[in-house]
PDB file of all heavy atoms in Angstrom:
ATOM      1  N   GLY A   1       0.791  -1.222   0.000  1.00  0.00           N
ATOM      2  CA  GLY A   1       0.000   0.000   0.000  1.00  0.00           C
ATOM      3  C   GLY A   1       0.822   1.270   0.000  1.00  0.00           C
ATOM      4  O   GLY A   1       0.272   2.356  -0.211  1.00  0.00           O
ATOM      5  N   ASN A   2       2.127   1.158   0.228  1.00  0.00           N
ATOM      6  CA  ASN A   2       2.996   2.326   0.168  1.00  0.00           C
ATOM      7  C   ASN A   2       3.459   2.569  -1.270  1.00  0.00           C
ATOM      8  O   ASN A   2       3.504   1.652  -2.097  1.00  0.00           O
ATOM      9  CB  ASN A   2       4.210   2.154   1.072  1.00  0.00           C
ATOM     10  CG  ASN A   2       3.868   2.381   2.542  1.00  0.00           C
ATOM     11  OD1 ASN A   2       2.735   2.728   2.873  1.00  0.00           O
ATOM     12  ND2 ASN A   2       4.837   2.170   3.404  1.00  0.00           N
ATOM     13  N   TYR A   3       3.845   3.812  -1.560  1.00  0.00           N
ATOM     14  CA  TYR A   3       4.335   4.171  -2.883  1.00  0.00           C
ATOM     15  C   TYR A   3       5.850   4.325  -2.859  1.00  0.00           C
ATOM     16  O   TYR A   3       6.414   4.904  -1.928  1.00  0.00           O
ATOM     17  CB  TYR A   3       3.699   5.471  -3.360  1.00  0.00           C
ATOM     18  CG  TYR A   3       2.288   5.311  -3.866  1.00  0.00           C
ATOM     19  CD1 TYR A   3       1.207   5.492  -3.013  1.00  0.00           C
ATOM     20  CD2 TYR A   3       2.040   4.972  -5.196  1.00  0.00           C
ATOM     21  CE1 TYR A   3      -0.098   5.349  -3.468  1.00  0.00           C
ATOM     22  CE2 TYR A   3       0.750   4.823  -5.662  1.00  0.00           C
ATOM     23  CZ  TYR A   3      -0.324   5.008  -4.800  1.00  0.00           C
ATOM     24  OH  TYR A   3      -1.608   4.856  -5.258  1.00  0.00           O
ATOM     25  N   ILE A   4       6.495   3.800  -3.905  1.00  0.00           N
ATOM     26  CA  ILE A   4       7.914   4.061  -4.153  1.00  0.00           C
ATOM     27  C   ILE A   4       7.979   5.132  -5.233  1.00  0.00           C
ATOM     28  O   ILE A   4       7.451   4.958  -6.332  1.00  0.00           O
ATOM     29  CB  ILE A   4       8.655   2.798  -4.600  1.00  0.00           C
ATOM     30  CG1 ILE A   4       8.644   1.755  -3.474  1.00  0.00           C
ATOM     31  CG2 ILE A   4      10.091   3.127  -5.009  1.00  0.00           C
ATOM     32  CD1 ILE A   4       9.255   0.426  -3.860  1.00  0.00           C
ATOM     33  N   THR A   5       8.591   6.262  -4.895  1.00  0.00           N
ATOM     34  CA  THR A   5       8.665   7.386  -5.828  1.00  0.00           C
ATOM     35  C   THR A   5       9.925   7.290  -6.667  1.00  0.00           C
ATOM     36  O   THR A   5      11.029   7.075  -6.144  1.00  0.00           O
ATOM     37  CB  THR A   5       8.654   8.728  -5.062  1.00  0.00           C
ATOM     38  OG1 THR A   5       7.462   8.800  -4.271  1.00  0.00           O
ATOM     39  CG2 THR A   5       8.675   9.902  -6.030  1.00  0.00           C
ATOM     40  N   LEU A   6       9.769   7.453  -7.964  1.00  0.00           N
ATOM     41  CA  LEU A   6      10.881   7.386  -8.911  1.00  0.00           C
ATOM     42  C   LEU A   6      11.209   8.796  -9.382  1.00  0.00           C
ATOM     43  O   LEU A   6      10.328   9.521  -9.842  1.00  0.00           O
ATOM     44  CB  LEU A   6      10.509   6.507 -10.105  1.00  0.00           C
ATOM     45  CG  LEU A   6       9.940   5.123  -9.759  1.00  0.00           C
ATOM     46  CD1 LEU A   6       9.473   4.416 -11.021  1.00  0.00           C
ATOM     47  CD2 LEU A   6      10.979   4.287  -9.029  1.00  0.00           C
ATOM     48  N   GLU A   7      12.481   9.170  -9.282  1.00  0.00           N
ATOM     49  CA  GLU A   7      12.873  10.522  -9.647  1.00  0.00           C
ATOM     50  C   GLU A   7      14.198  10.529 -10.391  1.00  0.00           C
ATOM     51  O   GLU A   7      15.047   9.650 -10.195  1.00  0.00           O
ATOM     52  CB  GLU A   7      13.010  11.414  -8.398  1.00  0.00           C
ATOM     53  CG  GLU A   7      11.711  11.684  -7.677  1.00  0.00           C
ATOM     54  CD  GLU A   7      11.883  12.627  -6.502  1.00  0.00           C
ATOM     55  OE1 GLU A   7      13.048  12.947  -6.169  1.00  0.00           O
ATOM     56  OE2 GLU A   7      10.870  13.050  -5.925  1.00  0.00           O
ATOM     57  N   PHE A   8      14.364  11.549 -11.234  1.00  0.00           N
ATOM     58  CA  PHE A   8      15.661  11.889 -11.814  1.00  0.00           C
ATOM     59  C   PHE A   8      16.279  12.991 -10.956  1.00  0.00           C
ATOM     60  O   PHE A   8      15.588  13.902 -10.515  1.00  0.00           O
ATOM     61  CB  PHE A   8      15.525  12.432 -13.234  1.00  0.00           C
ATOM     62  CG  PHE A   8      15.024  11.453 -14.247  1.00  0.00           C
ATOM     63  CD1 PHE A   8      13.674  11.406 -14.566  1.00  0.00           C
ATOM     64  CD2 PHE A   8      15.894  10.606 -14.901  1.00  0.00           C
ATOM     65  CE1 PHE A   8      13.194  10.523 -15.516  1.00  0.00           C
ATOM     66  CE2 PHE A   8      15.437   9.714 -15.862  1.00  0.00           C
ATOM     67  CZ  PHE A   8      14.076   9.673 -16.165  1.00  0.00           C
ATOM     68  N   GLU A   9      17.583  12.919 -10.735  1.00  0.00           N
ATOM     69  CA  GLU A   9      18.281  13.975 -10.021  1.00  0.00           C
ATOM     70  C   GLU A   9      19.543  14.367 -10.794  1.00  0.00           C
ATOM     71  O   GLU A   9      20.179  13.530 -11.436  1.00  0.00           O
ATOM     72  CB  GLU A   9      18.686  13.530  -8.607  1.00  0.00           C
ATOM     73  CG  GLU A   9      17.543  13.411  -7.628  1.00  0.00           C
ATOM     74  CD  GLU A   9      18.021  13.094  -6.216  1.00  0.00           C
ATOM     75  OE1 GLU A   9      19.243  12.828  -6.050  1.00  0.00           O
ATOM     76  OE2 GLU A   9      17.194  13.095  -5.293  1.00  0.00           O
ATOM     77  N   ASN A  10      19.877  15.652 -10.705  1.00  0.00           N
ATOM     78  CA  ASN A  10      21.152  16.173 -11.218  1.00  0.00           C
ATOM     79  C   ASN A  10      21.417  15.764 -12.666  1.00  0.00           C
ATOM     80  O   ASN A  10      22.537  15.399 -13.033  1.00  0.00           O
ATOM     81  CB  ASN A  10      22.310  15.688 -10.333  1.00  0.00           C
ATOM     82  CG  ASN A  10      22.141  16.079  -8.891  1.00  0.00           C
ATOM     83  OD1 ASN A  10      21.724  17.194  -8.593  1.00  0.00           O
ATOM     84  ND2 ASN A  10      22.424  15.172  -7.982  1.00  0.00           N
ATOM     85  N   VAL A  11      20.385  15.843 -13.490  1.00  0.00           N
ATOM     86  CA  VAL A  11      20.540  15.445 -14.888  1.00  0.00           C
ATOM     87  C   VAL A  11      21.236  16.553 -15.678  1.00  0.00           C
ATOM     88  O   VAL A  11      20.905  17.725 -15.540  1.00  0.00           O
ATOM     89  CB  VAL A  11      19.178  15.121 -15.523  1.00  0.00           C
ATOM     90  CG1 VAL A  11      19.315  14.913 -17.029  1.00  0.00           C
ATOM     91  CG2 VAL A  11      18.595  13.873 -14.877  1.00  0.00           C
ATOM     92  N   ARG A  12      22.176  16.143 -16.479  1.00  0.00           N
ATOM     93  CA  ARG A  12      22.885  17.063 -17.359  1.00  0.00           C
ATOM     94  C   ARG A  12      22.853  16.498 -18.775  1.00  0.00           C
ATOM     95  O   ARG A  12      23.165  15.317 -18.979  1.00  0.00           O
ATOM     96  CB  ARG A  12      24.325  17.246 -16.894  1.00  0.00           C
ATOM     97  CG  ARG A  12      25.095  18.287 -17.692  1.00  0.00           C
ATOM     98  CD  ARG A  12      26.525  18.411 -17.216  1.00  0.00           C
ATOM     99  NE  ARG A  12      27.284  19.309 -18.076  1.00  0.00           N
ATOM    100  CZ  ARG A  12      28.609  19.331 -18.146  1.00  0.00           C
ATOM    101  NH1 ARG A  12      29.325  18.506 -17.403  1.00  0.00           N
ATOM    102  NH2 ARG A  12      29.225  20.169 -18.954  1.00  0.00           N
ATOM    103  N   ILE A  13      22.459  17.312 -19.744  1.00  0.00           N
ATOM    104  CA  ILE A  13      22.446  16.930 -21.151  1.00  0.00           C
ATOM    105  C   ILE A  13      23.376  17.876 -21.897  1.00  0.00           C
ATOM    106  O   ILE A  13      23.308  19.097 -21.707  1.00  0.00           O
ATOM    107  CB  ILE A  13      21.025  17.000 -21.741  1.00  0.00           C
ATOM    108  CG1 ILE A  13      20.068  16.088 -20.956  1.00  0.00           C
ATOM    109  CG2 ILE A  13      21.025  16.602 -23.210  1.00  0.00           C
ATOM    110  CD1 ILE A  13      18.637  16.118 -21.455  1.00  0.00           C
ATOM    111  N   VAL A  14      24.256  17.322 -22.728  1.00  0.00           N
ATOM    112  CA  VAL A  14      25.215  18.157 -23.455  1.00  0.00           C
ATOM    113  C   VAL A  14      25.206  17.803 -24.932  1.00  0.00           C
ATOM    114  O   VAL A  14      24.785  16.716 -25.336  1.00  0.00           O
ATOM    115  CB  VAL A  14      26.651  17.979 -22.909  1.00  0.00           C
ATOM    116  CG1 VAL A  14      26.730  18.362 -21.445  1.00  0.00           C
ATOM    117  CG2 VAL A  14      27.152  16.553 -23.130  1.00  0.00           C
ATOM    118  N   ASN A  15      25.667  18.755 -25.757  1.00  0.00           N
ATOM    119  CA  ASN A  15      25.918  18.441 -27.158  1.00  0.00           C
ATOM    120  C   ASN A  15      27.386  18.059 -27.311  1.00  0.00           C
ATOM    121  O   ASN A  15      28.135  17.993 -26.322  1.00  0.00           O
ATOM    122  CB  ASN A  15      25.525  19.605 -28.072  1.00  0.00           C
ATOM    123  CG  ASN A  15      26.332  20.868 -27.801  1.00  0.00           C
ATOM    124  OD1 ASN A  15      27.412  20.830 -27.211  1.00  0.00           O
ATOM    125  ND2 ASN A  15      25.815  22.008 -28.238  1.00  0.00           N
ATOM    126  N   TYR A  16      27.804  17.813 -28.554  1.00  0.00           N
ATOM    127  CA  TYR A  16      29.167  17.328 -28.772  1.00  0.00           C
ATOM    128  C   TYR A  16      30.227  18.304 -28.283  1.00  0.00           C
ATOM    129  O   TYR A  16      31.295  17.911 -27.828  1.00  0.00           O
ATOM    130  CB  TYR A  16      29.389  17.028 -30.260  1.00  0.00           C
ATOM    131  CG  TYR A  16      30.841  16.829 -30.610  1.00  0.00           C
ATOM    132  CD1 TYR A  16      31.565  15.771 -30.050  1.00  0.00           C
ATOM    133  CD2 TYR A  16      31.516  17.708 -31.444  1.00  0.00           C
ATOM    134  CE1 TYR A  16      32.907  15.593 -30.334  1.00  0.00           C
ATOM    135  CE2 TYR A  16      32.849  17.540 -31.733  1.00  0.00           C
ATOM    136  CZ  TYR A  16      33.543  16.482 -31.175  1.00  0.00           C
ATOM    137  OH  TYR A  16      34.874  16.314 -31.440  1.00  0.00           O
ATOM    138  N   TYR A  17      29.928  19.600 -28.333  1.00  0.00           N
ATOM    139  CA  TYR A  17      30.910  20.588 -27.933  1.00  0.00           C
ATOM    140  C   TYR A  17      30.969  20.771 -26.424  1.00  0.00           C
ATOM    141  O   TYR A  17      31.780  21.546 -25.921  1.00  0.00           O
ATOM    142  CB  TYR A  17      30.601  21.923 -28.614  1.00  0.00           C
ATOM    143  CG  TYR A  17      30.646  21.831 -30.121  1.00  0.00           C
ATOM    144  CD1 TYR A  17      29.477  21.711 -30.861  1.00  0.00           C
ATOM    145  CD2 TYR A  17      31.859  21.818 -30.790  1.00  0.00           C
ATOM    146  CE1 TYR A  17      29.527  21.604 -32.255  1.00  0.00           C
ATOM    147  CE2 TYR A  17      31.915  21.709 -32.168  1.00  0.00           C
ATOM    148  CZ  TYR A  17      30.743  21.601 -32.891  1.00  0.00           C
ATOM    149  OH  TYR A  17      30.794  21.489 -34.260  1.00  0.00           O
ATOM    150  N   GLY A  18      30.112  20.039 -25.690  1.00  0.00           N
ATOM    151  CA  GLY A  18      30.089  20.166 -24.244  1.00  0.00           C
ATOM    152  C   GLY A  18      29.148  21.232 -23.743  1.00  0.00           C
ATOM    153  O   GLY A  18      29.075  21.477 -22.537  1.00  0.00           O
ATOM    154  N   ASP A  19      28.422  21.909 -24.653  1.00  0.00           N
ATOM    155  CA  ASP A  19      27.427  22.898 -24.241  1.00  0.00           C
ATOM    156  C   ASP A  19      26.306  22.208 -23.470  1.00  0.00           C
ATOM    157  O   ASP A  19      25.799  21.153 -23.886  1.00  0.00           O
ATOM    158  CB  ASP A  19      26.798  23.581 -25.463  1.00  0.00           C
ATOM    159  CG  ASP A  19      27.700  24.653 -26.042  1.00  0.00           C
ATOM    160  OD1 ASP A  19      28.349  25.351 -25.250  1.00  0.00           O
ATOM    161  OD2 ASP A  19      27.742  24.786 -27.268  1.00  0.00           O
ATOM    162  N   ASP A  20      25.877  22.800 -22.356  1.00  0.00           N
ATOM    163  CA  ASP A  20      24.733  22.271 -21.618  1.00  0.00           C
ATOM    164  C   ASP A  20      23.439  22.624 -22.330  1.00  0.00           C
ATOM    165  O   ASP A  20      23.233  23.763 -22.747  1.00  0.00           O
ATOM    166  CB  ASP A  20      24.711  22.836 -20.195  1.00  0.00           C
ATOM    167  CG  ASP A  20      25.689  22.121 -19.289  1.00  0.00           C
ATOM    168  OD1 ASP A  20      25.354  21.028 -18.814  1.00  0.00           O
ATOM    169  OD2 ASP A  20      26.788  22.651 -19.075  1.00  0.00           O
ATOM    170  N   ILE A  21      22.567  21.624 -22.466  1.00  0.00           N
ATOM    171  CA  ILE A  21      21.232  21.821 -23.000  1.00  0.00           C
ATOM    172  C   ILE A  21      20.274  21.818 -21.812  1.00  0.00           C
ATOM    173  O   ILE A  21      20.219  20.855 -21.046  1.00  0.00           O
ATOM    174  CB  ILE A  21      20.867  20.712 -24.001  1.00  0.00           C
ATOM    175  CG1 ILE A  21      21.815  20.787 -25.209  1.00  0.00           C
ATOM    176  CG2 ILE A  21      19.410  20.812 -24.438  1.00  0.00           C
ATOM    177  CD1 ILE A  21      21.694  19.629 -26.154  1.00  0.00           C
ATOM    178  N   THR A  22      19.544  22.899 -21.638  1.00  0.00           N
ATOM    179  CA  THR A  22      18.729  23.051 -20.430  1.00  0.00           C
ATOM    180  C   THR A  22      17.236  23.030 -20.702  1.00  0.00           C
ATOM    181  O   THR A  22      16.446  23.116 -19.767  1.00  0.00           O
ATOM    182  CB  THR A  22      19.074  24.382 -19.737  1.00  0.00           C
ATOM    183  OG1 THR A  22      18.831  25.466 -20.636  1.00  0.00           O
ATOM    184  CG2 THR A  22      20.533  24.398 -19.309  1.00  0.00           C
ATOM    185  N   ASN A  23      16.828  22.921 -21.949  1.00  0.00           N
ATOM    186  CA  ASN A  23      15.401  22.990 -22.262  1.00  0.00           C
ATOM    187  C   ASN A  23      14.741  21.610 -22.180  1.00  0.00           C
ATOM    188  O   ASN A  23      14.355  21.013 -23.172  1.00  0.00           O
ATOM    189  CB  ASN A  23      15.182  23.601 -23.651  1.00  0.00           C
ATOM    190  CG  ASN A  23      15.951  22.872 -24.741  1.00  0.00           C
ATOM    191  OD1 ASN A  23      16.884  22.138 -24.461  1.00  0.00           O
ATOM    192  ND2 ASN A  23      15.560  23.081 -25.981  1.00  0.00           N
ATOM    193  N   PHE A  24      14.659  21.085 -20.954  1.00  0.00           N
ATOM    194  CA  PHE A  24      13.992  19.810 -20.733  1.00  0.00           C
ATOM    195  C   PHE A  24      13.388  19.800 -19.340  1.00  0.00           C
ATOM    196  O   PHE A  24      13.776  20.577 -18.468  1.00  0.00           O
ATOM    197  CB  PHE A  24      14.957  18.640 -20.904  1.00  0.00           C
ATOM    198  CG  PHE A  24      16.110  18.638 -19.923  1.00  0.00           C
ATOM    199  CD1 PHE A  24      16.010  17.973 -18.712  1.00  0.00           C
ATOM    200  CD2 PHE A  24      17.283  19.308 -20.210  1.00  0.00           C
ATOM    201  CE1 PHE A  24      17.064  17.973 -17.806  1.00  0.00           C
ATOM    202  CE2 PHE A  24      18.348  19.312 -19.317  1.00  0.00           C
ATOM    203  CZ  PHE A  24      18.232  18.641 -18.108  1.00  0.00           C
ATOM    204  N   ASN A  25      12.429  18.912 -19.139  1.00  0.00           N
ATOM    205  CA  ASN A  25      11.782  18.730 -17.847  1.00  0.00           C
ATOM    206  C   ASN A  25      12.071  17.343 -17.308  1.00  0.00           C
ATOM    207  O   ASN A  25      12.220  16.389 -18.081  1.00  0.00           O
ATOM    208  CB  ASN A  25      10.266  18.903 -17.963  1.00  0.00           C
ATOM    209  CG  ASN A  25       9.877  20.289 -18.404  1.00  0.00           C
ATOM    210  OD1 ASN A  25      10.429  21.272 -17.945  1.00  0.00           O
ATOM    211  ND2 ASN A  25       8.912  20.368 -19.301  1.00  0.00           N
ATOM    212  N   LEU A  26      12.123  17.216 -15.996  1.00  0.00           N
ATOM    213  CA  LEU A  26      12.297  15.927 -15.322  1.00  0.00           C
ATOM    214  C   LEU A  26      10.991  15.587 -14.614  1.00  0.00           C
ATOM    215  O   LEU A  26      10.567  16.316 -13.723  1.00  0.00           O
ATOM    216  CB  LEU A  26      13.447  15.994 -14.322  1.00  0.00           C
ATOM    217  CG  LEU A  26      14.808  16.423 -14.892  1.00  0.00           C
ATOM    218  CD1 LEU A  26      15.833  16.543 -13.777  1.00  0.00           C
ATOM    219  CD2 LEU A  26      15.281  15.440 -15.945  1.00  0.00           C
ATOM    220  N   LEU A  27      10.359  14.470 -15.004  1.00  0.00           N
ATOM    221  CA  LEU A  27       9.080  14.079 -14.431  1.00  0.00           C
ATOM    222  C   LEU A  27       9.265  12.890 -13.498  1.00  0.00           C
ATOM    223  O   LEU A  27       9.909  11.902 -13.856  1.00  0.00           O
ATOM    224  CB  LEU A  27       8.083  13.712 -15.534  1.00  0.00           C
ATOM    225  CG  LEU A  27       7.823  14.785 -16.603  1.00  0.00           C
ATOM    226  CD1 LEU A  27       6.720  14.316 -17.540  1.00  0.00           C
ATOM    227  CD2 LEU A  27       7.471  16.125 -15.975  1.00  0.00           C
ATOM    228  N   SER A  28       8.723  12.983 -12.310  1.00  0.00           N
ATOM    229  CA  SER A  28       8.757  11.874 -11.362  1.00  0.00           C
ATOM    230  C   SER A  28       7.515  11.014 -11.551  1.00  0.00           C
ATOM    231  O   SER A  28       6.539  11.415 -12.191  1.00  0.00           O
ATOM    232  CB  SER A  28       8.839  12.393  -9.928  1.00  0.00           C
ATOM    233  OG  SER A  28       7.714  13.185  -9.628  1.00  0.00           O
ATOM    234  N   ASP A  29       7.537   9.827 -10.970  1.00  0.00           N
ATOM    235  CA  ASP A  29       6.381   8.928 -11.001  1.00  0.00           C
ATOM    236  C   ASP A  29       6.470   8.020  -9.790  1.00  0.00           C
ATOM    237  O   ASP A  29       7.393   8.154  -8.958  1.00  0.00           O
ATOM    238  CB  ASP A  29       6.357   8.120 -12.298  1.00  0.00           C
ATOM    239  CG  ASP A  29       4.939   7.902 -12.814  1.00  0.00           C
ATOM    240  OD1 ASP A  29       4.056   7.597 -11.977  1.00  0.00           O
ATOM    241  OD2 ASP A  29       4.724   8.053 -14.024  1.00  0.00           O
ATOM    242  N   SER A  30       5.537   7.103  -9.645  1.00  0.00           N
ATOM    243  CA  SER A  30       5.545   6.221  -8.482  1.00  0.00           C
ATOM    244  C   SER A  30       4.905   4.882  -8.820  1.00  0.00           C
ATOM    245  O   SER A  30       4.137   4.774  -9.791  1.00  0.00           O
ATOM    246  CB  SER A  30       4.805   6.867  -7.306  1.00  0.00           C
ATOM    247  OG  SER A  30       3.455   7.105  -7.646  1.00  0.00           O
ATOM    248  N   VAL A  31       5.244   3.863  -8.039  1.00  0.00           N
ATOM    249  CA  VAL A  31       4.619   2.545  -8.154  1.00  0.00           C
ATOM    250  C   VAL A  31       4.080   2.142  -6.787  1.00  0.00           C
ATOM    251  O   VAL A  31       4.671   2.469  -5.749  1.00  0.00           O
ATOM    252  CB  VAL A  31       5.609   1.484  -8.680  1.00  0.00           C
ATOM    253  CG1 VAL A  31       5.999   1.769 -10.121  1.00  0.00           C
ATOM    254  CG2 VAL A  31       6.861   1.416  -7.813  1.00  0.00           C
ATOM    255  N   LEU A  32       2.956   1.462  -6.796  1.00  0.00           N
ATOM    256  CA  LEU A  32       2.300   1.034  -5.571  1.00  0.00           C
ATOM    257  C   LEU A  32       2.754  -0.367  -5.206  1.00  0.00           C
ATOM    258  O   LEU A  32       2.678  -1.295  -6.025  1.00  0.00           O
ATOM    259  CB  LEU A  32       0.782   1.051  -5.762  1.00  0.00           C
ATOM    260  CG  LEU A  32      -0.072   0.571  -4.591  1.00  0.00           C
ATOM    261  CD1 LEU A  32       0.067   1.524  -3.411  1.00  0.00           C
ATOM    262  CD2 LEU A  32      -1.532   0.444  -5.017  1.00  0.00           C
ATOM    263  N   VAL A  33       3.255  -0.521  -3.975  1.00  0.00           N
ATOM    264  CA  VAL A  33       3.705  -1.829  -3.511  1.00  0.00           C
ATOM    265  C   VAL A  33       2.482  -2.708  -3.253  1.00  0.00           C
ATOM    266  O   VAL A  33       1.545  -2.320  -2.544  1.00  0.00           O
ATOM    267  CB  VAL A  33       4.564  -1.709  -2.245  1.00  0.00           C
ATOM    268  CG1 VAL A  33       4.995  -3.083  -1.754  1.00  0.00           C
ATOM    269  CG2 VAL A  33       5.783  -0.822  -2.514  1.00  0.00           C
ATOM    270  N   GLN A  34       2.505  -3.913  -3.838  1.00  0.00           N
ATOM    271  CA  GLN A  34       1.381  -4.840  -3.721  1.00  0.00           C
ATOM    272  C   GLN A  34       1.843  -6.148  -3.091  1.00  0.00           C
ATOM    273  O   GLN A  34       3.038  -6.414  -2.955  1.00  0.00           O
ATOM    274  CB  GLN A  34       0.772  -5.109  -5.096  1.00  0.00           C
ATOM    275  CG  GLN A  34       0.339  -3.845  -5.820  1.00  0.00           C
ATOM    276  CD  GLN A  34      -0.179  -4.131  -7.206  1.00  0.00           C
ATOM    277  OE1 GLN A  34      -1.047  -4.990  -7.388  1.00  0.00           O
ATOM    278  NE2 GLN A  34       0.350  -3.428  -8.198  1.00  0.00           N
ATOM    279  N   ALA A  35       0.875  -6.979  -2.737  1.00  0.00           N
ATOM    280  CA  ALA A  35       1.167  -8.278  -2.130  1.00  0.00           C
ATOM    281  C   ALA A  35       1.860  -9.184  -3.139  1.00  0.00           C
ATOM    282  O   ALA A  35       1.735  -8.982  -4.354  1.00  0.00           O
ATOM    283  CB  ALA A  35      -0.126  -8.924  -1.643  1.00  0.00           C
ATOM    284  N   PRO A  36       2.620 -10.186  -2.674  1.00  0.00           N
ATOM    285  CA  PRO A  36       3.273 -11.120  -3.598  1.00  0.00           C
ATOM    286  C   PRO A  36       2.258 -11.797  -4.506  1.00  0.00           C
ATOM    287  O   PRO A  36       1.097 -11.985  -4.150  1.00  0.00           O
ATOM    288  CB  PRO A  36       3.956 -12.128  -2.669  1.00  0.00           C
ATOM    289  CG  PRO A  36       4.107 -11.408  -1.382  1.00  0.00           C
ATOM    290  CD  PRO A  36       2.923 -10.504  -1.275  1.00  0.00           C
ATOM    291  N   VAL A  37       2.712 -12.164  -5.707  1.00  0.00           N
ATOM    292  CA  VAL A  37       1.844 -12.799  -6.691  1.00  0.00           C
ATOM    293  C   VAL A  37       1.712 -14.287  -6.404  1.00  0.00           C
ATOM    294  O   VAL A  37       2.680 -14.966  -6.077  1.00  0.00           O
ATOM    295  CB  VAL A  37       2.421 -12.608  -8.111  1.00  0.00           C
ATOM    296  CG1 VAL A  37       1.617 -13.372  -9.143  1.00  0.00           C
ATOM    297  CG2 VAL A  37       2.450 -11.137  -8.446  1.00  0.00           C
ATOM    298  N   ALA A  38       0.483 -14.830  -6.527  1.00  0.00           N
ATOM    299  CA  ALA A  38       0.210 -16.268  -6.512  1.00  0.00           C
ATOM    300  C   ALA A  38       0.861 -16.981  -5.349  1.00  0.00           C
ATOM    301  O   ALA A  38       1.708 -17.848  -5.514  1.00  0.00           O
ATOM    302  CB  ALA A  38       0.649 -16.902  -7.830  1.00  0.00           C
TER     303      ALA A  38
END
């Protein structure tokens, strides 16, 4: 019944010249812990 939250941290995107590309978003999500299967 608890949620495990998934996140990106400290993401860096660069082009070949090493320039930082900053026009992006980082989206988190989560999964619900359930009882063992079968």
